[in-house]
Protein backbone atom coordinates (compact mmCIF):
# COMPACT_ATOMS: atom_id res chain seq x y z
CA MET A 1 -20.27 -2.97 -5.36
CA ASP A 2 -22.00 -0.11 -4.74
CA LYS A 3 -22.61 1.56 -8.05
CA GLN A 4 -23.14 4.90 -6.81
CA ASN A 5 -20.03 5.57 -4.88
CA PRO A 6 -17.86 7.95 -7.09
CA PHE A 7 -15.28 6.33 -5.54
CA ASN A 8 -15.59 3.15 -7.50
CA ALA A 9 -14.95 5.04 -10.85
CA ILE A 10 -11.44 6.52 -9.36
CA LYS A 11 -8.36 5.22 -10.68
CA VAL A 12 -5.10 5.81 -8.63
CA VAL A 13 -1.10 5.32 -9.29
CA GLU A 14 0.29 5.37 -6.12
CA CYS A 15 4.31 6.22 -6.71
CA GLY A 16 5.01 7.12 -3.43
CA GLU A 17 7.11 5.56 -0.33
CA GLY A 18 6.93 5.37 2.86
CA VAL A 19 3.79 5.09 5.28
CA SER A 20 2.00 8.38 4.57
CA ALA A 21 1.94 7.29 0.34
CA ALA A 22 1.07 3.62 1.32
CA PHE A 23 -1.90 5.08 4.01
CA GLY A 24 -3.59 7.64 1.83
CA ALA A 25 -3.84 4.97 -1.10
CA LYS A 26 -5.56 2.19 1.40
CA LEU A 27 -7.67 4.89 2.67
CA LEU A 28 -8.84 5.94 -1.07
CA ALA A 29 -8.96 2.08 -2.03
CA ASP A 30 -11.25 1.56 1.42
CA LEU A 31 -13.44 4.26 -0.24
CA GLY A 32 -13.50 2.06 -3.34
CA ALA A 33 -10.97 3.04 -5.71
CA GLU A 34 -9.11 1.12 -7.82
CA VAL A 35 -5.29 1.60 -6.47
CA ILE A 36 -2.09 0.28 -8.07
CA LYS A 37 1.24 0.71 -6.16
CA ILE A 38 4.50 1.14 -8.38
CA GLU A 39 7.65 0.62 -7.03
CA SER A 40 11.38 0.36 -7.48
CA PRO A 41 12.91 -3.04 -8.35
CA GLU A 42 14.17 -2.99 -4.90
CA GLY A 43 11.11 -2.54 -3.45
CA ASP A 44 9.47 0.29 -0.94
CA LEU A 45 11.64 0.96 1.77
CA THR A 46 8.99 -0.11 4.43
CA ARG A 47 9.57 -3.50 3.24
CA ARG A 48 13.02 -3.30 4.69
CA ARG A 49 11.75 -2.25 8.06
CA GLY A 50 10.71 -4.30 10.52
CA PRO A 51 9.14 -5.19 13.08
CA PHE A 52 9.62 -8.90 11.23
CA PRO A 53 7.98 -12.65 12.84
CA GLN A 54 10.50 -14.44 14.40
CA ASN A 55 12.75 -11.39 13.44
CA GLN A 56 13.41 -12.95 10.41
CA ALA A 57 13.74 -10.49 7.78
CA ASP A 58 11.49 -10.84 5.25
CA PRO A 59 10.42 -7.82 2.63
CA LYS A 60 6.72 -9.82 2.00
CA LYS A 61 5.89 -9.75 5.99
CA ALA A 62 7.52 -6.67 7.19
CA GLY A 63 5.15 -5.12 9.73
CA PHE A 64 4.58 -1.59 7.66
CA SER A 65 4.16 -3.67 4.60
CA SER A 66 0.57 -4.47 5.44
CA ILE A 67 -0.44 -1.33 5.86
């Protein structure tokens, strides 16, 4: 961990849905911020969108959920 990186001191709570919110949070995490994603009990909308491996719907394996 780089102690000189100012992003290491930032904590982000991401409460959005969709690709843009997840991508913004990912960028901040990649820069060193700690990111906590808050989702509804059903999960982010992107978890219910494909593509899925072998066309088997699985919210943990959705194409967009790995952003």
